[in-house]
């Protein structure tokens, strides 16, 4: 792989890291909202949705990490 393509892939990693930060921040916010609900409200549709969203966003962070890892492997090869 040539230097130009490596730099382009590194730029992609930088963008993905920024996206990951945004996703993490929103996920933590959703989890905090859920955690601050009373037990009764946590069991409502709204509470369940907050918890599901937080879990899905956490999963997405892991997926972005996997993509970054794979791109980094390509750059290093």
PDB file of N, CA and C in Angstrom:
ATOM      1  N   UNK A   1       0.850  -1.172   0.000  1.00  0.00           N
ATOM      2  CA  UNK A   1       0.000   0.000   0.000  1.00  0.00           C
ATOM      3  C   UNK A   1       0.893   1.231   0.000  1.00  0.00           C
ATOM      4  N   UNK A   2       0.512   2.205  -0.803  1.00  0.00           N
ATOM      5  CA  UNK A   2       1.347   3.401  -0.883  1.00  0.00           C
ATOM      6  C   UNK A   2       1.054   4.366   0.274  1.00  0.00           C
ATOM      7  N   UNK A   3       1.943   5.323   0.432  1.00  0.00           N
ATOM      8  CA  UNK A   3       1.873   6.271   1.540  1.00  0.00           C
ATOM      9  C   UNK A   3       0.576   7.083   1.513  1.00  0.00           C
ATOM     10  N   UNK A   4       0.140   7.488   0.336  1.00  0.00           N
ATOM     11  CA  UNK A   4      -1.082   8.287   0.219  1.00  0.00           C
ATOM     12  C   UNK A   4      -2.286   7.512   0.763  1.00  0.00           C
ATOM     13  N   UNK A   5      -2.381   6.242   0.393  1.00  0.00           N
ATOM     14  CA  UNK A   5      -3.497   5.430   0.872  1.00  0.00           C
ATOM     15  C   UNK A   5      -3.415   5.186   2.375  1.00  0.00           C
ATOM     16  N   UNK A   6      -2.216   4.995   2.891  1.00  0.00           N
ATOM     17  CA  UNK A   6      -2.056   4.832   4.343  1.00  0.00           C
ATOM     18  C   UNK A   6      -2.518   6.082   5.082  1.00  0.00           C
ATOM     19  N   UNK A   7      -2.145   7.247   4.557  1.00  0.00           N
ATOM     20  CA  UNK A   7      -2.567   8.501   5.186  1.00  0.00           C
ATOM     21  C   UNK A   7      -4.087   8.663   5.117  1.00  0.00           C
ATOM     22  N   UNK A   8      -4.660   8.278   4.004  1.00  0.00           N
ATOM     23  CA  UNK A   8      -6.122   8.363   3.863  1.00  0.00           C
ATOM     24  C   UNK A   8      -6.821   7.440   4.854  1.00  0.00           C
ATOM     25  N   UNK A   9      -6.291   6.232   5.012  1.00  0.00           N
ATOM     26  CA  UNK A   9      -6.869   5.310   5.989  1.00  0.00           C
ATOM     27  C   UNK A   9      -6.685   5.824   7.412  1.00  0.00           C
ATOM     28  N   UNK A  10      -5.551   6.461   7.682  1.00  0.00           N
ATOM     29  CA  UNK A  10      -5.341   7.044   9.013  1.00  0.00           C
ATOM     30  C   UNK A  10      -6.355   8.160   9.263  1.00  0.00           C
ATOM     31  N   UNK A  11      -6.666   8.934   8.232  1.00  0.00           N
ATOM     32  CA  UNK A  11      -7.695   9.969   8.362  1.00  0.00           C
ATOM     33  C   UNK A  11      -9.045   9.341   8.677  1.00  0.00           C
ATOM     34  N   UNK A  12      -9.328   8.219   8.030  1.00  0.00           N
ATOM     35  CA  UNK A  12     -10.577   7.511   8.306  1.00  0.00           C
ATOM     36  C   UNK A  12     -10.625   7.061   9.762  1.00  0.00           C
ATOM     37  N   UNK A  13      -9.505   6.571  10.276  1.00  0.00           N
ATOM     38  CA  UNK A  13      -9.434   6.174  11.685  1.00  0.00           C
ATOM     39  C   UNK A  13      -9.696   7.373  12.587  1.00  0.00           C
ATOM     40  N   UNK A  14      -9.129   8.515  12.242  1.00  0.00           N
ATOM     41  CA  UNK A  14      -9.345   9.725  13.045  1.00  0.00           C
ATOM     42  C   UNK A  14     -10.824  10.092  13.083  1.00  0.00           C
ATOM     43  N   UNK A  15     -11.494  10.016  11.943  1.00  0.00           N
ATOM     44  CA  UNK A  15     -12.933  10.301  11.892  1.00  0.00           C
ATOM     45  C   UNK A  15     -13.724   9.280  12.709  1.00  0.00           C
ATOM     46  N   UNK A  16     -13.343   8.022  12.594  1.00  0.00           N
ATOM     47  CA  UNK A  16     -14.027   6.983  13.357  1.00  0.00           C
ATOM     48  C   UNK A  16     -13.844   7.175  14.859  1.00  0.00           C
ATOM     49  N   UNK A  17     -12.653   7.591  15.270  1.00  0.00           N
ATOM     50  CA  UNK A  17     -12.431   7.868  16.694  1.00  0.00           C
ATOM     51  C   UNK A  17     -13.316   9.005  17.184  1.00  0.00           C
ATOM     52  N   UNK A  18     -13.479  10.030  16.368  1.00  0.00           N
ATOM     53  CA  UNK A  18     -14.361  11.137  16.743  1.00  0.00           C
ATOM     54  C   UNK A  18     -15.813  10.651  16.828  1.00  0.00           C
ATOM     55  N   UNK A  19     -16.224   9.850  15.858  1.00  0.00           N
ATOM     56  CA  UNK A  19     -17.582   9.295  15.881  1.00  0.00           C
ATOM     57  C   UNK A  19     -17.784   8.437  17.127  1.00  0.00           C
ATOM     58  N   UNK A  20     -16.767   7.661  17.471  1.00  0.00           N
ATOM     59  CA  UNK A  20     -16.844   6.810  18.659  1.00  0.00           C
ATOM     60  C   UNK A  20     -17.029   7.651  19.917  1.00  0.00           C
ATOM     61  N   UNK A  21     -16.303   8.754  20.009  1.00  0.00           N
ATOM     62  CA  UNK A  21     -16.444   9.649  21.165  1.00  0.00           C
ATOM     63  C   UNK A  21     -17.871  10.175  21.276  1.00  0.00           C
ATOM     64  N   UNK A  22     -18.451  10.553  20.158  1.00  0.00           N
ATOM     65  CA  UNK A  22     -19.813  11.072  20.149  1.00  0.00           C
ATOM     66  C   UNK A  22     -20.792   9.993  20.589  1.00  0.00           C
ATOM     67  N   UNK A  23     -20.633   8.795  20.036  1.00  0.00           N
ATOM     68  CA  UNK A  23     -21.517   7.682  20.384  1.00  0.00           C
ATOM     69  C   UNK A  23     -21.392   7.355  21.870  1.00  0.00           C
ATOM     70  N   UNK A  24     -20.167   7.327  22.375  1.00  0.00           N
ATOM     71  CA  UNK A  24     -19.941   7.040  23.803  1.00  0.00           C
ATOM     72  C   UNK A  24     -20.620   8.083  24.686  1.00  0.00           C
ATOM     73  N   UNK A  25     -20.465   9.337  24.313  1.00  0.00           N
ATOM     74  CA  UNK A  25     -21.044  10.427  25.102  1.00  0.00           C
ATOM     75  C   UNK A  25     -22.571  10.307  25.157  1.00  0.00           C
ATOM     76  N   UNK A  26     -23.162  10.065  24.023  1.00  0.00           N
ATOM     77  CA  UNK A  26     -24.621   9.934  23.979  1.00  0.00           C
ATOM     78  C   UNK A  26     -25.066   8.700  24.753  1.00  0.00           C
ATOM     79  N   UNK A  27     -24.341   7.598  24.596  1.00  0.00           N
ATOM     80  CA  UNK A  27     -24.679   6.372  25.323  1.00  0.00           C
ATOM     81  C   UNK A  27     -24.600   6.555  26.829  1.00  0.00           C
ATOM     82  N   UNK A  28     -23.570   7.242  27.290  1.00  0.00           N
ATOM     83  CA  UNK A  28     -23.452   7.510  28.729  1.00  0.00           C
ATOM     84  C   UNK A  28     -24.595   8.387  29.207  1.00  0.00           C
ATOM     85  N   UNK A  29     -24.980   9.348  28.383  1.00  0.00           N
ATOM     86  CA  UNK A  29     -26.105  10.213  28.737  1.00  0.00           C
ATOM     87  C   UNK A  29     -27.400   9.435  28.862  1.00  0.00           C
ATOM     88  N   UNK A  30     -27.628   8.524  27.921  1.00  0.00           N
ATOM     89  CA  UNK A  30     -28.835   7.687  27.972  1.00  0.00           C
ATOM     90  C   UNK A  30     -28.814   6.807  29.217  1.00  0.00           C
ATOM     91  N   UNK A  31     -27.652   6.247  29.541  1.00  0.00           N
ATOM     92  CA  UNK A  31     -27.542   5.397  30.724  1.00  0.00           C
ATOM     93  C   UNK A  31     -27.772   6.208  31.993  1.00  0.00           C
ATOM     94  N   UNK A  32     -27.226   7.427  32.035  1.00  0.00           N
ATOM     95  CA  UNK A  32     -27.440   8.284  33.203  1.00  0.00           C
ATOM     96  C   UNK A  32     -28.913   8.625  33.377  1.00  0.00           C
ATOM     97  N   UNK A  33     -29.591   8.936  32.267  1.00  0.00           N
ATOM     98  CA  UNK A  33     -31.026   9.222  32.339  1.00  0.00           C
ATOM     99  C   UNK A  33     -31.768   8.028  32.912  1.00  0.00           C
ATOM    100  N   UNK A  34     -31.427   6.828  32.426  1.00  0.00           N
ATOM    101  CA  UNK A  34     -32.072   5.614  32.924  1.00  0.00           C
ATOM    102  C   UNK A  34     -31.783   5.425  34.409  1.00  0.00           C
ATOM    103  N   UNK A  35     -30.507   5.554  34.782  1.00  0.00           N
ATOM    104  CA  UNK A  35     -30.101   5.349  36.179  1.00  0.00           C
ATOM    105  C   UNK A  35     -30.779   6.335  37.124  1.00  0.00           C
ATOM    106  N   UNK A  36     -31.094   7.539  36.646  1.00  0.00           N
ATOM    107  CA  UNK A  36     -31.710   8.551  37.487  1.00  0.00           C
ATOM    108  C   UNK A  36     -33.223   8.390  37.608  1.00  0.00           C
ATOM    109  N   UNK A  37     -33.799   7.473  36.846  1.00  0.00           N
ATOM    110  CA  UNK A  37     -35.229   7.206  36.974  1.00  0.00           C
ATOM    111  C   UNK A  37     -35.481   6.358  38.217  1.00  0.00           C
ATOM    112  N   UNK A  38     -36.645   6.532  38.801  1.00  0.00           N
ATOM    113  CA  UNK A  38     -37.021   5.660  39.909  1.00  0.00           C
ATOM    114  C   UNK A  38     -37.217   4.244  39.363  1.00  0.00           C
ATOM    115  N   UNK A  39     -37.200   3.266  40.257  1.00  0.00           N
ATOM    116  CA  UNK A  39     -37.372   1.883  39.816  1.00  0.00           C
ATOM    117  C   UNK A  39     -38.659   1.705  39.033  1.00  0.00           C
ATOM    118  N   UNK A  40     -39.710   2.338  39.497  1.00  0.00           N
ATOM    119  CA  UNK A  40     -40.991   2.225  38.804  1.00  0.00           C
ATOM    120  C   UNK A  40     -40.936   2.781  37.391  1.00  0.00           C
ATOM    121  N   UNK A  41     -40.280   3.924  37.230  1.00  0.00           N
ATOM    122  CA  UNK A  41     -40.177   4.525  35.901  1.00  0.00           C
ATOM    123  C   UNK A  41     -39.215   3.771  34.995  1.00  0.00           C
ATOM    124  N   UNK A  42     -38.229   3.089  35.597  1.00  0.00           N
ATOM    125  CA  UNK A  42     -37.312   2.295  34.786  1.00  0.00           C
ATOM    126  C   UNK A  42     -38.038   1.168  34.062  1.00  0.00           C
ATOM    127  N   UNK A  43     -39.147   0.741  34.624  1.00  0.00           N
ATOM    128  CA  UNK A  43     -39.909  -0.363  34.037  1.00  0.00           C
ATOM    129  C   UNK A  43     -40.947   0.104  33.019  1.00  0.00           C
ATOM    130  N   UNK A  44     -41.045   1.416  32.816  1.00  0.00           N
ATOM    131  CA  UNK A  44     -41.985   1.922  31.822  1.00  0.00           C
ATOM    132  C   UNK A  44     -41.377   1.814  30.433  1.00  0.00           C
ATOM    133  N   UNK A  45     -42.193   2.059  29.426  1.00  0.00           N
ATOM    134  CA  UNK A  45     -41.717   2.006  28.042  1.00  0.00           C
ATOM    135  C   UNK A  45     -40.544   2.961  27.832  1.00  0.00           C
ATOM    136  N   UNK A  46     -40.661   4.159  28.413  1.00  0.00           N
ATOM    137  CA  UNK A  46     -39.577   5.138  28.279  1.00  0.00           C
ATOM    138  C   UNK A  46     -38.290   4.625  28.920  1.00  0.00           C
ATOM    139  N   UNK A  47     -38.389   4.070  30.106  1.00  0.00           N
ATOM    140  CA  UNK A  47     -37.217   3.561  30.804  1.00  0.00           C
ATOM    141  C   UNK A  47     -36.567   2.412  30.056  1.00  0.00           C
ATOM    142  N   UNK A  48     -37.401   1.510  29.578  1.00  0.00           N
ATOM    143  CA  UNK A  48     -36.887   0.368  28.825  1.00  0.00           C
ATOM    144  C   UNK A  48     -36.174   0.845  27.566  1.00  0.00           C
ATOM    145  N   UNK A  49     -36.750   1.829  26.889  1.00  0.00           N
ATOM    146  CA  UNK A  49     -36.141   2.359  25.665  1.00  0.00           C
ATOM    147  C   UNK A  49     -34.796   3.026  25.972  1.00  0.00           C
ATOM    148  N   UNK A  50     -34.720   3.785  27.054  1.00  0.00           N
ATOM    149  CA  UNK A  50     -33.451   4.414  27.439  1.00  0.00           C
ATOM    150  C   UNK A  50     -32.373   3.358  27.667  1.00  0.00           C
ATOM    151  N   UNK A  51     -32.730   2.313  28.386  1.00  0.00           N
ATOM    152  CA  UNK A  51     -31.768   1.257  28.683  1.00  0.00           C
ATOM    153  C   UNK A  51     -31.345   0.525  27.403  1.00  0.00           C
ATOM    154  N   UNK A  52     -32.303   0.253  26.535  1.00  0.00           N
ATOM    155  CA  UNK A  52     -31.982  -0.402  25.261  1.00  0.00           C
ATOM    156  C   UNK A  52     -31.069   0.473  24.410  1.00  0.00           C
ATOM    157  N   UNK A  53     -31.386   1.764  24.336  1.00  0.00           N
ATOM    158  CA  UNK A  53     -30.552   2.682  23.552  1.00  0.00           C
ATOM    159  C   UNK A  53     -29.128   2.730  24.096  1.00  0.00           C
ATOM    160  N   UNK A  54     -28.982   2.795  25.412  1.00  0.00           N
ATOM    161  CA  UNK A  54     -27.657   2.830  26.027  1.00  0.00           C
ATOM    162  C   UNK A  54     -26.877   1.569  25.674  1.00  0.00           C
ATOM    163  N   UNK A  55     -27.535   0.417  25.740  1.00  0.00           N
ATOM    164  CA  UNK A  55     -26.874  -0.848  25.429  1.00  0.00           C
ATOM    165  C   UNK A  55     -26.494  -0.922  23.948  1.00  0.00           C
ATOM    166  N   UNK A  56     -27.381  -0.482  23.087  1.00  0.00           N
ATOM    167  CA  UNK A  56     -27.090  -0.506  21.649  1.00  0.00           C
ATOM    168  C   UNK A  56     -25.930   0.426  21.304  1.00  0.00           C
ATOM    169  N   UNK A  57     -25.900   1.593  21.928  1.00  0.00           N
ATOM    170  CA  UNK A  57     -24.811   2.533  21.670  1.00  0.00           C
ATOM    171  C   UNK A  57     -23.484   1.981  22.178  1.00  0.00           C
ATOM    172  N   UNK A  58     -23.516   1.306  23.320  1.00  0.00           N
ATOM    173  CA  UNK A  58     -22.303   0.676  23.841  1.00  0.00           C
ATOM    174  C   UNK A  58     -21.812  -0.407  22.868  1.00  0.00           C
ATOM    175  N   UNK A  59     -22.744  -1.180  22.314  1.00  0.00           N
ATOM    176  CA  UNK A  59     -22.396  -2.203  21.334  1.00  0.00           C
ATOM    177  C   UNK A  59     -21.758  -1.556  20.103  1.00  0.00           C
ATOM    178  N   UNK A  60     -22.334  -0.433  19.660  1.00  0.00           N
ATOM    179  CA  UNK A  60     -21.802   0.262  18.491  1.00  0.00           C
ATOM    180  C   UNK A  60     -20.373   0.741  18.714  1.00  0.00           C
ATOM    181  N   UNK A  61     -20.076   1.190  19.906  1.00  0.00           N
ATOM    182  CA  UNK A  61     -18.713   1.617  20.231  1.00  0.00           C
ATOM    183  C   UNK A  61     -17.749   0.447  20.012  1.00  0.00           C
ATOM    184  N   UNK A  62     -18.151  -0.731  20.452  1.00  0.00           N
ATOM    185  CA  UNK A  62     -17.326  -1.910  20.236  1.00  0.00           C
ATOM    186  C   UNK A  62     -17.145  -2.227  18.759  1.00  0.00           C
ATOM    187  N   UNK A  63     -18.201  -2.047  17.988  1.00  0.00           N
ATOM    188  CA  UNK A  63     -18.120  -2.289  16.550  1.00  0.00           C
ATOM    189  C   UNK A  63     -17.185  -1.287  15.874  1.00  0.00           C
ATOM    190  N   UNK A  64     -17.255  -0.036  16.291  1.00  0.00           N
ATOM    191  CA  UNK A  64     -16.347   0.972  15.732  1.00  0.00           C
ATOM    192  C   UNK A  64     -14.908   0.618  16.096  1.00  0.00           C
ATOM    193  N   UNK A  65     -14.688   0.157  17.325  1.00  0.00           N
ATOM    194  CA  UNK A  65     -13.349  -0.285  17.724  1.00  0.00           C
ATOM    195  C   UNK A  65     -12.858  -1.411  16.816  1.00  0.00           C
ATOM    196  N   UNK A  66     -13.741  -2.340  16.492  1.00  0.00           N
ATOM    197  CA  UNK A  66     -13.369  -3.444  15.598  1.00  0.00           C
ATOM    198  C   UNK A  66     -12.982  -2.933  14.215  1.00  0.00           C
ATOM    199  N   UNK A  67     -13.724  -1.975  13.700  1.00  0.00           N
ATOM    200  CA  UNK A  67     -13.423  -1.403  12.387  1.00  0.00           C
ATOM    201  C   UNK A  67     -12.076  -0.694  12.419  1.00  0.00           C
ATOM    202  N   UNK A  68     -11.851   0.084  13.469  1.00  0.00           N
ATOM    203  CA  UNK A  68     -10.569   0.784  13.606  1.00  0.00           C
ATOM    204  C   UNK A  68      -9.426  -0.226  13.649  1.00  0.00           C
ATOM    205  N   UNK A  69      -9.602  -1.291  14.402  1.00  0.00           N
ATOM    206  CA  UNK A  69      -8.571  -2.330  14.492  1.00  0.00           C
ATOM    207  C   UNK A  69      -8.269  -2.914  13.110  1.00  0.00           C
ATOM    208  N   UNK A  70      -9.314  -3.237  12.365  1.00  0.00           N
ATOM    209  CA  UNK A  70      -9.127  -3.838  11.043  1.00  0.00           C
ATOM    210  C   UNK A  70      -8.416  -2.886  10.080  1.00  0.00           C
ATOM    211  N   UNK A  71      -8.792  -1.626  10.117  1.00  0.00           N
ATOM    212  CA  UNK A  71      -8.128  -0.650   9.253  1.00  0.00           C
ATOM    213  C   UNK A  71      -6.661  -0.509   9.649  1.00  0.00           C
ATOM    214  N   UNK A  72      -6.403  -0.476  10.947  1.00  0.00           N
ATOM    215  CA  UNK A  72      -5.028  -0.364  11.437  1.00  0.00           C
ATOM    216  C   UNK A  72      -4.203  -1.574  10.981  1.00  0.00           C
ATOM    217  N   UNK A  73      -4.803  -2.748  11.004  1.00  0.00           N
ATOM    218  CA  UNK A  73      -4.111  -3.944  10.521  1.00  0.00           C
ATOM    219  C   UNK A  73      -3.735  -3.813   9.057  1.00  0.00           C
ATOM    220  N   UNK A  74      -4.633  -3.239   8.273  1.00  0.00           N
ATOM    221  CA  UNK A  74      -4.358  -3.041   6.842  1.00  0.00           C
ATOM    222  C   UNK A  74      -3.213  -2.044   6.664  1.00  0.00           C
ATOM    223  N   UNK A  75      -3.246  -0.967   7.438  1.00  0.00           N
ATOM    224  CA  UNK A  75      -2.182   0.046   7.337  1.00  0.00           C
ATOM    225  C   UNK A  75      -0.832  -0.575   7.666  1.00  0.00           C
ATOM    226  N   UNK A  76      -0.799  -1.431   8.676  1.00  0.00           N
ATOM    227  CA  UNK A  76       0.454  -2.022   9.135  1.00  0.00           C
ATOM    228  C   UNK A  76       0.974  -3.130   8.223  1.00  0.00           C
ATOM    229  N   UNK A  77       0.113  -3.645   7.343  1.00  0.00           N
ATOM    230  CA  UNK A  77       0.549  -4.791   6.515  1.00  0.00           C
ATOM    231  C   UNK A  77       1.368  -4.339   5.311  1.00  0.00           C
TER     232      UNK A  77
END
